[in-house]
Amino acid sequence: DQTKIADVVPADYVSNAVLACAWD
């Protein structure tokens, strides 16, 4: 469905978020 959300995230953003989560 062209109107529905394609919830995608870049892989390097994910790895950065993982490392920040460990700190938090």
PDBML (XML) file of the C-alpha atoms, coordinates in Angstrom:
<?xml version="1.0" encoding="UTF-8" ?>
<PDBx:datablock datablockName="MODEL"
   xmlns:PDBx="http://pdbml.pdb.org/schema/pdbx-v50.xsd"
   xmlns:xsi="http://www.w3.org/2001/XMLSchema-instance"
   xsi:schemaLocation="http://pdbml.pdb.org/schema/pdbx-v50.xsd pdbx-v50.xsd">
   <PDBx:atom_siteCategory>
      <PDBx:atom_site id="1">
         <PDBx:B_iso_or_equiv>0.00</PDBx:B_iso_or_equiv>
         <PDBx:Cartn_x>0.000</PDBx:Cartn_x>
         <PDBx:Cartn_y>0.000</PDBx:Cartn_y>
         <PDBx:Cartn_z>0.000</PDBx:Cartn_z>
         <PDBx:auth_asym_id>A</PDBx:auth_asym_id>
         <PDBx:auth_atom_id>CA</PDBx:auth_atom_id>
         <PDBx:auth_comp_id>ASP</PDBx:auth_comp_id>
         <PDBx:auth_seq_id>1</PDBx:auth_seq_id>
         <PDBx:group_PDB>ATOM</PDBx:group_PDB>
         <PDBx:label_alt_id xsi:nil="true" />
         <PDBx:label_asym_id>A</PDBx:label_asym_id>
         <PDBx:label_atom_id>CA</PDBx:label_atom_id>
         <PDBx:label_comp_id>ASP</PDBx:label_comp_id>
         <PDBx:label_entity_id>1</PDBx:label_entity_id>
         <PDBx:label_seq_id>1</PDBx:label_seq_id>
         <PDBx:occupancy>1.00</PDBx:occupancy>
         <PDBx:pdbx_PDB_model_num>1</PDBx:pdbx_PDB_model_num>
         <PDBx:type_symbol>C</PDBx:type_symbol>
      </PDBx:atom_site>
      <PDBx:atom_site id="2">
         <PDBx:B_iso_or_equiv>0.00</PDBx:B_iso_or_equiv>
         <PDBx:Cartn_x>1.726</PDBx:Cartn_x>
         <PDBx:Cartn_y>3.155</PDBx:Cartn_y>
         <PDBx:Cartn_z>-1.227</PDBx:Cartn_z>
         <PDBx:auth_asym_id>A</PDBx:auth_asym_id>
         <PDBx:auth_atom_id>CA</PDBx:auth_atom_id>
         <PDBx:auth_comp_id>GLN</PDBx:auth_comp_id>
         <PDBx:auth_seq_id>2</PDBx:auth_seq_id>
         <PDBx:group_PDB>ATOM</PDBx:group_PDB>
         <PDBx:label_alt_id xsi:nil="true" />
         <PDBx:label_asym_id>A</PDBx:label_asym_id>
         <PDBx:label_atom_id>CA</PDBx:label_atom_id>
         <PDBx:label_comp_id>GLN</PDBx:label_comp_id>
         <PDBx:label_entity_id>1</PDBx:label_entity_id>
         <PDBx:label_seq_id>2</PDBx:label_seq_id>
         <PDBx:occupancy>1.00</PDBx:occupancy>
         <PDBx:pdbx_PDB_model_num>1</PDBx:pdbx_PDB_model_num>
         <PDBx:type_symbol>C</PDBx:type_symbol>
      </PDBx:atom_site>
      <PDBx:atom_site id="3">
         <PDBx:B_iso_or_equiv>0.00</PDBx:B_iso_or_equiv>
         <PDBx:Cartn_x>0.227</PDBx:Cartn_x>
         <PDBx:Cartn_y>5.172</PDBx:Cartn_y>
         <PDBx:Cartn_z>1.631</PDBx:Cartn_z>
         <PDBx:auth_asym_id>A</PDBx:auth_asym_id>
         <PDBx:auth_atom_id>CA</PDBx:auth_atom_id>
         <PDBx:auth_comp_id>THR</PDBx:auth_comp_id>
         <PDBx:auth_seq_id>3</PDBx:auth_seq_id>
         <PDBx:group_PDB>ATOM</PDBx:group_PDB>
         <PDBx:label_alt_id xsi:nil="true" />
         <PDBx:label_asym_id>A</PDBx:label_asym_id>
         <PDBx:label_atom_id>CA</PDBx:label_atom_id>
         <PDBx:label_comp_id>THR</PDBx:label_comp_id>
         <PDBx:label_entity_id>1</PDBx:label_entity_id>
         <PDBx:label_seq_id>3</PDBx:label_seq_id>
         <PDBx:occupancy>1.00</PDBx:occupancy>
         <PDBx:pdbx_PDB_model_num>1</PDBx:pdbx_PDB_model_num>
         <PDBx:type_symbol>C</PDBx:type_symbol>
      </PDBx:atom_site>
      <PDBx:atom_site id="4">
         <PDBx:B_iso_or_equiv>0.00</PDBx:B_iso_or_equiv>
         <PDBx:Cartn_x>1.483</PDBx:Cartn_x>
         <PDBx:Cartn_y>2.905</PDBx:Cartn_y>
         <PDBx:Cartn_z>4.432</PDBx:Cartn_z>
         <PDBx:auth_asym_id>A</PDBx:auth_asym_id>
         <PDBx:auth_atom_id>CA</PDBx:auth_atom_id>
         <PDBx:auth_comp_id>LYS</PDBx:auth_comp_id>
         <PDBx:auth_seq_id>4</PDBx:auth_seq_id>
         <PDBx:group_PDB>ATOM</PDBx:group_PDB>
         <PDBx:label_alt_id xsi:nil="true" />
         <PDBx:label_asym_id>A</PDBx:label_asym_id>
         <PDBx:label_atom_id>CA</PDBx:label_atom_id>
         <PDBx:label_comp_id>LYS</PDBx:label_comp_id>
         <PDBx:label_entity_id>1</PDBx:label_entity_id>
         <PDBx:label_seq_id>4</PDBx:label_seq_id>
         <PDBx:occupancy>1.00</PDBx:occupancy>
         <PDBx:pdbx_PDB_model_num>1</PDBx:pdbx_PDB_model_num>
         <PDBx:type_symbol>C</PDBx:type_symbol>
      </PDBx:atom_site>
      <PDBx:atom_site id="5">
         <PDBx:B_iso_or_equiv>0.00</PDBx:B_iso_or_equiv>
         <PDBx:Cartn_x>4.730</PDBx:Cartn_x>
         <PDBx:Cartn_y>3.565</PDBx:Cartn_y>
         <PDBx:Cartn_z>6.287</PDBx:Cartn_z>
         <PDBx:auth_asym_id>A</PDBx:auth_asym_id>
         <PDBx:auth_atom_id>CA</PDBx:auth_atom_id>
         <PDBx:auth_comp_id>ILE</PDBx:auth_comp_id>
         <PDBx:auth_seq_id>5</PDBx:auth_seq_id>
         <PDBx:group_PDB>ATOM</PDBx:group_PDB>
         <PDBx:label_alt_id xsi:nil="true" />
         <PDBx:label_asym_id>A</PDBx:label_asym_id>
         <PDBx:label_atom_id>CA</PDBx:label_atom_id>
         <PDBx:label_comp_id>ILE</PDBx:label_comp_id>
         <PDBx:label_entity_id>1</PDBx:label_entity_id>
         <PDBx:label_seq_id>5</PDBx:label_seq_id>
         <PDBx:occupancy>1.00</PDBx:occupancy>
         <PDBx:pdbx_PDB_model_num>1</PDBx:pdbx_PDB_model_num>
         <PDBx:type_symbol>C</PDBx:type_symbol>
      </PDBx:atom_site>
      <PDBx:atom_site id="6">
         <PDBx:B_iso_or_equiv>0.00</PDBx:B_iso_or_equiv>
         <PDBx:Cartn_x>7.954</PDBx:Cartn_x>
         <PDBx:Cartn_y>1.843</PDBx:Cartn_y>
         <PDBx:Cartn_z>5.231</PDBx:Cartn_z>
         <PDBx:auth_asym_id>A</PDBx:auth_asym_id>
         <PDBx:auth_atom_id>CA</PDBx:auth_atom_id>
         <PDBx:auth_comp_id>ALA</PDBx:auth_comp_id>
         <PDBx:auth_seq_id>6</PDBx:auth_seq_id>
         <PDBx:group_PDB>ATOM</PDBx:group_PDB>
         <PDBx:label_alt_id xsi:nil="true" />
         <PDBx:label_asym_id>A</PDBx:label_asym_id>
         <PDBx:label_atom_id>CA</PDBx:label_atom_id>
         <PDBx:label_comp_id>ALA</PDBx:label_comp_id>
         <PDBx:label_entity_id>1</PDBx:label_entity_id>
         <PDBx:label_seq_id>6</PDBx:label_seq_id>
         <PDBx:occupancy>1.00</PDBx:occupancy>
         <PDBx:pdbx_PDB_model_num>1</PDBx:pdbx_PDB_model_num>
         <PDBx:type_symbol>C</PDBx:type_symbol>
      </PDBx:atom_site>
      <PDBx:atom_site id="7">
         <PDBx:B_iso_or_equiv>0.00</PDBx:B_iso_or_equiv>
         <PDBx:Cartn_x>9.636</PDBx:Cartn_x>
         <PDBx:Cartn_y>1.862</PDBx:Cartn_y>
         <PDBx:Cartn_z>8.640</PDBx:Cartn_z>
         <PDBx:auth_asym_id>A</PDBx:auth_asym_id>
         <PDBx:auth_atom_id>CA</PDBx:auth_atom_id>
         <PDBx:auth_comp_id>ASP</PDBx:auth_comp_id>
         <PDBx:auth_seq_id>7</PDBx:auth_seq_id>
         <PDBx:group_PDB>ATOM</PDBx:group_PDB>
         <PDBx:label_alt_id xsi:nil="true" />
         <PDBx:label_asym_id>A</PDBx:label_asym_id>
         <PDBx:label_atom_id>CA</PDBx:label_atom_id>
         <PDBx:label_comp_id>ASP</PDBx:label_comp_id>
         <PDBx:label_entity_id>1</PDBx:label_entity_id>
         <PDBx:label_seq_id>7</PDBx:label_seq_id>
         <PDBx:occupancy>1.00</PDBx:occupancy>
         <PDBx:pdbx_PDB_model_num>1</PDBx:pdbx_PDB_model_num>
         <PDBx:type_symbol>C</PDBx:type_symbol>
      </PDBx:atom_site>
      <PDBx:atom_site id="8">
         <PDBx:B_iso_or_equiv>0.00</PDBx:B_iso_or_equiv>
         <PDBx:Cartn_x>13.288</PDBx:Cartn_x>
         <PDBx:Cartn_y>1.538</PDBx:Cartn_y>
         <PDBx:Cartn_z>7.641</PDBx:Cartn_z>
         <PDBx:auth_asym_id>A</PDBx:auth_asym_id>
         <PDBx:auth_atom_id>CA</PDBx:auth_atom_id>
         <PDBx:auth_comp_id>VAL</PDBx:auth_comp_id>
         <PDBx:auth_seq_id>8</PDBx:auth_seq_id>
         <PDBx:group_PDB>ATOM</PDBx:group_PDB>
         <PDBx:label_alt_id xsi:nil="true" />
         <PDBx:label_asym_id>A</PDBx:label_asym_id>
         <PDBx:label_atom_id>CA</PDBx:label_atom_id>
         <PDBx:label_comp_id>VAL</PDBx:label_comp_id>
         <PDBx:label_entity_id>1</PDBx:label_entity_id>
         <PDBx:label_seq_id>8</PDBx:label_seq_id>
         <PDBx:occupancy>1.00</PDBx:occupancy>
         <PDBx:pdbx_PDB_model_num>1</PDBx:pdbx_PDB_model_num>
         <PDBx:type_symbol>C</PDBx:type_symbol>
      </PDBx:atom_site>
      <PDBx:atom_site id="9">
         <PDBx:B_iso_or_equiv>0.00</PDBx:B_iso_or_equiv>
         <PDBx:Cartn_x>16.445</PDBx:Cartn_x>
         <PDBx:Cartn_y>2.625</PDBx:Cartn_y>
         <PDBx:Cartn_z>9.475</PDBx:Cartn_z>
         <PDBx:auth_asym_id>A</PDBx:auth_asym_id>
         <PDBx:auth_atom_id>CA</PDBx:auth_atom_id>
         <PDBx:auth_comp_id>VAL</PDBx:auth_comp_id>
         <PDBx:auth_seq_id>9</PDBx:auth_seq_id>
         <PDBx:group_PDB>ATOM</PDBx:group_PDB>
         <PDBx:label_alt_id xsi:nil="true" />
         <PDBx:label_asym_id>A</PDBx:label_asym_id>
         <PDBx:label_atom_id>CA</PDBx:label_atom_id>
         <PDBx:label_comp_id>VAL</PDBx:label_comp_id>
         <PDBx:label_entity_id>1</PDBx:label_entity_id>
         <PDBx:label_seq_id>9</PDBx:label_seq_id>
         <PDBx:occupancy>1.00</PDBx:occupancy>
         <PDBx:pdbx_PDB_model_num>1</PDBx:pdbx_PDB_model_num>
         <PDBx:type_symbol>C</PDBx:type_symbol>
      </PDBx:atom_site>
      <PDBx:atom_site id="10">
         <PDBx:B_iso_or_equiv>0.00</PDBx:B_iso_or_equiv>
         <PDBx:Cartn_x>20.091</PDBx:Cartn_x>
         <PDBx:Cartn_y>2.792</PDBx:Cartn_y>
         <PDBx:Cartn_z>8.290</PDBx:Cartn_z>
         <PDBx:auth_asym_id>A</PDBx:auth_asym_id>
         <PDBx:auth_atom_id>CA</PDBx:auth_atom_id>
         <PDBx:auth_comp_id>PRO</PDBx:auth_comp_id>
         <PDBx:auth_seq_id>10</PDBx:auth_seq_id>
         <PDBx:group_PDB>ATOM</PDBx:group_PDB>
         <PDBx:label_alt_id xsi:nil="true" />
         <PDBx:label_asym_id>A</PDBx:label_asym_id>
         <PDBx:label_atom_id>CA</PDBx:label_atom_id>
         <PDBx:label_comp_id>PRO</PDBx:label_comp_id>
         <PDBx:label_entity_id>1</PDBx:label_entity_id>
         <PDBx:label_seq_id>10</PDBx:label_seq_id>
         <PDBx:occupancy>1.00</PDBx:occupancy>
         <PDBx:pdbx_PDB_model_num>1</PDBx:pdbx_PDB_model_num>
         <PDBx:type_symbol>C</PDBx:type_symbol>
      </PDBx:atom_site>
      <PDBx:atom_site id="11">
         <PDBx:B_iso_or_equiv>0.00</PDBx:B_iso_or_equiv>
         <PDBx:Cartn_x>22.355</PDBx:Cartn_x>
         <PDBx:Cartn_y>0.106</PDBx:Cartn_y>
         <PDBx:Cartn_z>9.722</PDBx:Cartn_z>
         <PDBx:auth_asym_id>A</PDBx:auth_asym_id>
         <PDBx:auth_atom_id>CA</PDBx:auth_atom_id>
         <PDBx:auth_comp_id>ALA</PDBx:auth_comp_id>
         <PDBx:auth_seq_id>11</PDBx:auth_seq_id>
         <PDBx:group_PDB>ATOM</PDBx:group_PDB>
         <PDBx:label_alt_id xsi:nil="true" />
         <PDBx:label_asym_id>A</PDBx:label_asym_id>
         <PDBx:label_atom_id>CA</PDBx:label_atom_id>
         <PDBx:label_comp_id>ALA</PDBx:label_comp_id>
         <PDBx:label_entity_id>1</PDBx:label_entity_id>
         <PDBx:label_seq_id>11</PDBx:label_seq_id>
         <PDBx:occupancy>1.00</PDBx:occupancy>
         <PDBx:pdbx_PDB_model_num>1</PDBx:pdbx_PDB_model_num>
         <PDBx:type_symbol>C</PDBx:type_symbol>
      </PDBx:atom_site>
      <PDBx:atom_site id="12">
         <PDBx:B_iso_or_equiv>0.00</PDBx:B_iso_or_equiv>
         <PDBx:Cartn_x>25.055</PDBx:Cartn_x>
         <PDBx:Cartn_y>2.485</PDBx:Cartn_y>
         <PDBx:Cartn_z>10.995</PDBx:Cartn_z>
         <PDBx:auth_asym_id>A</PDBx:auth_asym_id>
         <PDBx:auth_atom_id>CA</PDBx:auth_atom_id>
         <PDBx:auth_comp_id>ASP</PDBx:auth_comp_id>
         <PDBx:auth_seq_id>12</PDBx:auth_seq_id>
         <PDBx:group_PDB>ATOM</PDBx:group_PDB>
         <PDBx:label_alt_id xsi:nil="true" />
         <PDBx:label_asym_id>A</PDBx:label_asym_id>
         <PDBx:label_atom_id>CA</PDBx:label_atom_id>
         <PDBx:label_comp_id>ASP</PDBx:label_comp_id>
         <PDBx:label_entity_id>1</PDBx:label_entity_id>
         <PDBx:label_seq_id>12</PDBx:label_seq_id>
         <PDBx:occupancy>1.00</PDBx:occupancy>
         <PDBx:pdbx_PDB_model_num>1</PDBx:pdbx_PDB_model_num>
         <PDBx:type_symbol>C</PDBx:type_symbol>
      </PDBx:atom_site>
      <PDBx:atom_site id="13">
         <PDBx:B_iso_or_equiv>0.00</PDBx:B_iso_or_equiv>
         <PDBx:Cartn_x>22.411</PDBx:Cartn_x>
         <PDBx:Cartn_y>4.452</PDBx:Cartn_y>
         <PDBx:Cartn_z>12.908</PDBx:Cartn_z>
         <PDBx:auth_asym_id>A</PDBx:auth_asym_id>
         <PDBx:auth_atom_id>CA</PDBx:auth_atom_id>
         <PDBx:auth_comp_id>TYR</PDBx:auth_comp_id>
         <PDBx:auth_seq_id>13</PDBx:auth_seq_id>
         <PDBx:group_PDB>ATOM</PDBx:group_PDB>
         <PDBx:label_alt_id xsi:nil="true" />
         <PDBx:label_asym_id>A</PDBx:label_asym_id>
         <PDBx:label_atom_id>CA</PDBx:label_atom_id>
         <PDBx:label_comp_id>TYR</PDBx:label_comp_id>
         <PDBx:label_entity_id>1</PDBx:label_entity_id>
         <PDBx:label_seq_id>13</PDBx:label_seq_id>
         <PDBx:occupancy>1.00</PDBx:occupancy>
         <PDBx:pdbx_PDB_model_num>1</PDBx:pdbx_PDB_model_num>
         <PDBx:type_symbol>C</PDBx:type_symbol>
      </PDBx:atom_site>
      <PDBx:atom_site id="14">
         <PDBx:B_iso_or_equiv>0.00</PDBx:B_iso_or_equiv>
         <PDBx:Cartn_x>21.355</PDBx:Cartn_x>
         <PDBx:Cartn_y>1.166</PDBx:Cartn_y>
         <PDBx:Cartn_z>14.531</PDBx:Cartn_z>
         <PDBx:auth_asym_id>A</PDBx:auth_asym_id>
         <PDBx:auth_atom_id>CA</PDBx:auth_atom_id>
         <PDBx:auth_comp_id>VAL</PDBx:auth_comp_id>
         <PDBx:auth_seq_id>14</PDBx:auth_seq_id>
         <PDBx:group_PDB>ATOM</PDBx:group_PDB>
         <PDBx:label_alt_id xsi:nil="true" />
         <PDBx:label_asym_id>A</PDBx:label_asym_id>
         <PDBx:label_atom_id>CA</PDBx:label_atom_id>
         <PDBx:label_comp_id>VAL</PDBx:label_comp_id>
         <PDBx:label_entity_id>1</PDBx:label_entity_id>
         <PDBx:label_seq_id>14</PDBx:label_seq_id>
         <PDBx:occupancy>1.00</PDBx:occupancy>
         <PDBx:pdbx_PDB_model_num>1</PDBx:pdbx_PDB_model_num>
         <PDBx:type_symbol>C</PDBx:type_symbol>
      </PDBx:atom_site>
      <PDBx:atom_site id="15">
         <PDBx:B_iso_or_equiv>0.00</PDBx:B_iso_or_equiv>
         <PDBx:Cartn_x>24.899</PDBx:Cartn_x>
         <PDBx:Cartn_y>0.228</PDBx:Cartn_y>
         <PDBx:Cartn_z>15.586</PDBx:Cartn_z>
         <PDBx:auth_asym_id>A</PDBx:auth_asym_id>
         <PDBx:auth_atom_id>CA</PDBx:auth_atom_id>
         <PDBx:auth_comp_id>SER</PDBx:auth_comp_id>
         <PDBx:auth_seq_id>15</PDBx:auth_seq_id>
         <PDBx:group_PDB>ATOM</PDBx:group_PDB>
         <PDBx:label_alt_id xsi:nil="true" />
         <PDBx:label_asym_id>A</PDBx:label_asym_id>
         <PDBx:label_atom_id>CA</PDBx:label_atom_id>
         <PDBx:label_comp_id>SER</PDBx:label_comp_id>
         <PDBx:label_entity_id>1</PDBx:label_entity_id>
         <PDBx:label_seq_id>15</PDBx:label_seq_id>
         <PDBx:occupancy>1.00</PDBx:occupancy>
         <PDBx:pdbx_PDB_model_num>1</PDBx:pdbx_PDB_model_num>
         <PDBx:type_symbol>C</PDBx:type_symbol>
      </PDBx:atom_site>
      <PDBx:atom_site id="16">
         <PDBx:B_iso_or_equiv>0.00</PDBx:B_iso_or_equiv>
         <PDBx:Cartn_x>25.436</PDBx:Cartn_x>
         <PDBx:Cartn_y>3.706</PDBx:Cartn_y>
         <PDBx:Cartn_z>17.025</PDBx:Cartn_z>
         <PDBx:auth_asym_id>A</PDBx:auth_asym_id>
         <PDBx:auth_atom_id>CA</PDBx:auth_atom_id>
         <PDBx:auth_comp_id>ASN</PDBx:auth_comp_id>
         <PDBx:auth_seq_id>16</PDBx:auth_seq_id>
         <PDBx:group_PDB>ATOM</PDBx:group_PDB>
         <PDBx:label_alt_id xsi:nil="true" />
         <PDBx:label_asym_id>A</PDBx:label_asym_id>
         <PDBx:label_atom_id>CA</PDBx:label_atom_id>
         <PDBx:label_comp_id>ASN</PDBx:label_comp_id>
         <PDBx:label_entity_id>1</PDBx:label_entity_id>
         <PDBx:label_seq_id>16</PDBx:label_seq_id>
         <PDBx:occupancy>1.00</PDBx:occupancy>
         <PDBx:pdbx_PDB_model_num>1</PDBx:pdbx_PDB_model_num>
         <PDBx:type_symbol>C</PDBx:type_symbol>
      </PDBx:atom_site>
      <PDBx:atom_site id="17">
         <PDBx:B_iso_or_equiv>0.00</PDBx:B_iso_or_equiv>
         <PDBx:Cartn_x>22.153</PDBx:Cartn_x>
         <PDBx:Cartn_y>3.468</PDBx:Cartn_y>
         <PDBx:Cartn_z>18.909</PDBx:Cartn_z>
         <PDBx:auth_asym_id>A</PDBx:auth_asym_id>
         <PDBx:auth_atom_id>CA</PDBx:auth_atom_id>
         <PDBx:auth_comp_id>ALA</PDBx:auth_comp_id>
         <PDBx:auth_seq_id>17</PDBx:auth_seq_id>
         <PDBx:group_PDB>ATOM</PDBx:group_PDB>
         <PDBx:label_alt_id xsi:nil="true" />
         <PDBx:label_asym_id>A</PDBx:label_asym_id>
         <PDBx:label_atom_id>CA</PDBx:label_atom_id>
         <PDBx:label_comp_id>ALA</PDBx:label_comp_id>
         <PDBx:label_entity_id>1</PDBx:label_entity_id>
         <PDBx:label_seq_id>17</PDBx:label_seq_id>
         <PDBx:occupancy>1.00</PDBx:occupancy>
         <PDBx:pdbx_PDB_model_num>1</PDBx:pdbx_PDB_model_num>
         <PDBx:type_symbol>C</PDBx:type_symbol>
      </PDBx:atom_site>
      <PDBx:atom_site id="18">
         <PDBx:B_iso_or_equiv>0.00</PDBx:B_iso_or_equiv>
         <PDBx:Cartn_x>23.140</PDBx:Cartn_x>
         <PDBx:Cartn_y>0.077</PDBx:Cartn_y>
         <PDBx:Cartn_z>20.345</PDBx:Cartn_z>
         <PDBx:auth_asym_id>A</PDBx:auth_asym_id>
         <PDBx:auth_atom_id>CA</PDBx:auth_atom_id>
         <PDBx:auth_comp_id>VAL</PDBx:auth_comp_id>
         <PDBx:auth_seq_id>18</PDBx:auth_seq_id>
         <PDBx:group_PDB>ATOM</PDBx:group_PDB>
         <PDBx:label_alt_id xsi:nil="true" />
         <PDBx:label_asym_id>A</PDBx:label_asym_id>
         <PDBx:label_atom_id>CA</PDBx:label_atom_id>
         <PDBx:label_comp_id>VAL</PDBx:label_comp_id>
         <PDBx:label_entity_id>1</PDBx:label_entity_id>
         <PDBx:label_seq_id>18</PDBx:label_seq_id>
         <PDBx:occupancy>1.00</PDBx:occupancy>
         <PDBx:pdbx_PDB_model_num>1</PDBx:pdbx_PDB_model_num>
         <PDBx:type_symbol>C</PDBx:type_symbol>
      </PDBx:atom_site>
      <PDBx:atom_site id="19">
         <PDBx:B_iso_or_equiv>0.00</PDBx:B_iso_or_equiv>
         <PDBx:Cartn_x>26.398</PDBx:Cartn_x>
         <PDBx:Cartn_y>1.450</PDBx:Cartn_y>
         <PDBx:Cartn_z>21.732</PDBx:Cartn_z>
         <PDBx:auth_asym_id>A</PDBx:auth_asym_id>
         <PDBx:auth_atom_id>CA</PDBx:auth_atom_id>
         <PDBx:auth_comp_id>LEU</PDBx:auth_comp_id>
         <PDBx:auth_seq_id>19</PDBx:auth_seq_id>
         <PDBx:group_PDB>ATOM</PDBx:group_PDB>
         <PDBx:label_alt_id xsi:nil="true" />
         <PDBx:label_asym_id>A</PDBx:label_asym_id>
         <PDBx:label_atom_id>CA</PDBx:label_atom_id>
         <PDBx:label_comp_id>LEU</PDBx:label_comp_id>
         <PDBx:label_entity_id>1</PDBx:label_entity_id>
         <PDBx:label_seq_id>19</PDBx:label_seq_id>
         <PDBx:occupancy>1.00</PDBx:occupancy>
         <PDBx:pdbx_PDB_model_num>1</PDBx:pdbx_PDB_model_num>
         <PDBx:type_symbol>C</PDBx:type_symbol>
      </PDBx:atom_site>
      <PDBx:atom_site id="20">
         <PDBx:B_iso_or_equiv>0.00</PDBx:B_iso_or_equiv>
         <PDBx:Cartn_x>24.615</PDBx:Cartn_x>
         <PDBx:Cartn_y>4.490</PDBx:Cartn_y>
         <PDBx:Cartn_z>23.164</PDBx:Cartn_z>
         <PDBx:auth_asym_id>A</PDBx:auth_asym_id>
         <PDBx:auth_atom_id>CA</PDBx:auth_atom_id>
         <PDBx:auth_comp_id>ALA</PDBx:auth_comp_id>
         <PDBx:auth_seq_id>20</PDBx:auth_seq_id>
         <PDBx:group_PDB>ATOM</PDBx:group_PDB>
         <PDBx:label_alt_id xsi:nil="true" />
         <PDBx:label_asym_id>A</PDBx:label_asym_id>
         <PDBx:label_atom_id>CA</PDBx:label_atom_id>
         <PDBx:label_comp_id>ALA</PDBx:label_comp_id>
         <PDBx:label_entity_id>1</PDBx:label_entity_id>
         <PDBx:label_seq_id>20</PDBx:label_seq_id>
         <PDBx:occupancy>1.00</PDBx:occupancy>
         <PDBx:pdbx_PDB_model_num>1</PDBx:pdbx_PDB_model_num>
         <PDBx:type_symbol>C</PDBx:type_symbol>
      </PDBx:atom_site>
      <PDBx:atom_site id="21">
         <PDBx:B_iso_or_equiv>0.00</PDBx:B_iso_or_equiv>
         <PDBx:Cartn_x>21.984</PDBx:Cartn_x>
         <PDBx:Cartn_y>2.234</PDBx:Cartn_y>
         <PDBx:Cartn_z>24.759</PDBx:Cartn_z>
         <PDBx:auth_asym_id>A</PDBx:auth_asym_id>
         <PDBx:auth_atom_id>CA</PDBx:auth_atom_id>
         <PDBx:auth_comp_id>CYS</PDBx:auth_comp_id>
         <PDBx:auth_seq_id>21</PDBx:auth_seq_id>
         <PDBx:group_PDB>ATOM</PDBx:group_PDB>
         <PDBx:label_alt_id xsi:nil="true" />
         <PDBx:label_asym_id>A</PDBx:label_asym_id>
         <PDBx:label_atom_id>CA</PDBx:label_atom_id>
         <PDBx:label_comp_id>CYS</PDBx:label_comp_id>
         <PDBx:label_entity_id>1</PDBx:label_entity_id>
         <PDBx:label_seq_id>21</PDBx:label_seq_id>
         <PDBx:occupancy>1.00</PDBx:occupancy>
         <PDBx:pdbx_PDB_model_num>1</PDBx:pdbx_PDB_model_num>
         <PDBx:type_symbol>C</PDBx:type_symbol>
      </PDBx:atom_site>
      <PDBx:atom_site id="22">
         <PDBx:B_iso_or_equiv>0.00</PDBx:B_iso_or_equiv>
         <PDBx:Cartn_x>24.678</PDBx:Cartn_x>
         <PDBx:Cartn_y>0.274</PDBx:Cartn_y>
         <PDBx:Cartn_z>26.600</PDBx:Cartn_z>
         <PDBx:auth_asym_id>A</PDBx:auth_asym_id>
         <PDBx:auth_atom_id>CA</PDBx:auth_atom_id>
         <PDBx:auth_comp_id>ALA</PDBx:auth_comp_id>
         <PDBx:auth_seq_id>22</PDBx:auth_seq_id>
         <PDBx:group_PDB>ATOM</PDBx:group_PDB>
         <PDBx:label_alt_id xsi:nil="true" />
         <PDBx:label_asym_id>A</PDBx:label_asym_id>
         <PDBx:label_atom_id>CA</PDBx:label_atom_id>
         <PDBx:label_comp_id>ALA</PDBx:label_comp_id>
         <PDBx:label_entity_id>1</PDBx:label_entity_id>
         <PDBx:label_seq_id>22</PDBx:label_seq_id>
         <PDBx:occupancy>1.00</PDBx:occupancy>
         <PDBx:pdbx_PDB_model_num>1</PDBx:pdbx_PDB_model_num>
         <PDBx:type_symbol>C</PDBx:type_symbol>
      </PDBx:atom_site>
      <PDBx:atom_site id="23">
         <PDBx:B_iso_or_equiv>0.00</PDBx:B_iso_or_equiv>
         <PDBx:Cartn_x>25.926</PDBx:Cartn_x>
         <PDBx:Cartn_y>3.541</PDBx:Cartn_y>
         <PDBx:Cartn_z>28.084</PDBx:Cartn_z>
         <PDBx:auth_asym_id>A</PDBx:auth_asym_id>
         <PDBx:auth_atom_id>CA</PDBx:auth_atom_id>
         <PDBx:auth_comp_id>TRP</PDBx:auth_comp_id>
         <PDBx:auth_seq_id>23</PDBx:auth_seq_id>
         <PDBx:group_PDB>ATOM</PDBx:group_PDB>
         <PDBx:label_alt_id xsi:nil="true" />
         <PDBx:label_asym_id>A</PDBx:label_asym_id>
         <PDBx:label_atom_id>CA</PDBx:label_atom_id>
         <PDBx:label_comp_id>TRP</PDBx:label_comp_id>
         <PDBx:label_entity_id>1</PDBx:label_entity_id>
         <PDBx:label_seq_id>23</PDBx:label_seq_id>
         <PDBx:occupancy>1.00</PDBx:occupancy>
         <PDBx:pdbx_PDB_model_num>1</PDBx:pdbx_PDB_model_num>
         <PDBx:type_symbol>C</PDBx:type_symbol>
      </PDBx:atom_site>
      <PDBx:atom_site id="24">
         <PDBx:B_iso_or_equiv>0.00</PDBx:B_iso_or_equiv>
         <PDBx:Cartn_x>22.416</PDBx:Cartn_x>
         <PDBx:Cartn_y>4.671</PDBx:Cartn_y>
         <PDBx:Cartn_z>29.037</PDBx:Cartn_z>
         <PDBx:auth_asym_id>A</PDBx:auth_asym_id>
         <PDBx:auth_atom_id>CA</PDBx:auth_atom_id>
         <PDBx:auth_comp_id>ASP</PDBx:auth_comp_id>
         <PDBx:auth_seq_id>24</PDBx:auth_seq_id>
         <PDBx:group_PDB>ATOM</PDBx:group_PDB>
         <PDBx:label_alt_id xsi:nil="true" />
         <PDBx:label_asym_id>A</PDBx:label_asym_id>
         <PDBx:label_atom_id>CA</PDBx:label_atom_id>
         <PDBx:label_comp_id>ASP</PDBx:label_comp_id>
         <PDBx:label_entity_id>1</PDBx:label_entity_id>
         <PDBx:label_seq_id>24</PDBx:label_seq_id>
         <PDBx:occupancy>1.00</PDBx:occupancy>
         <PDBx:pdbx_PDB_model_num>1</PDBx:pdbx_PDB_model_num>
         <PDBx:type_symbol>C</PDBx:type_symbol>
      </PDBx:atom_site>
   </PDBx:atom_siteCategory>
</PDBx:datablock>
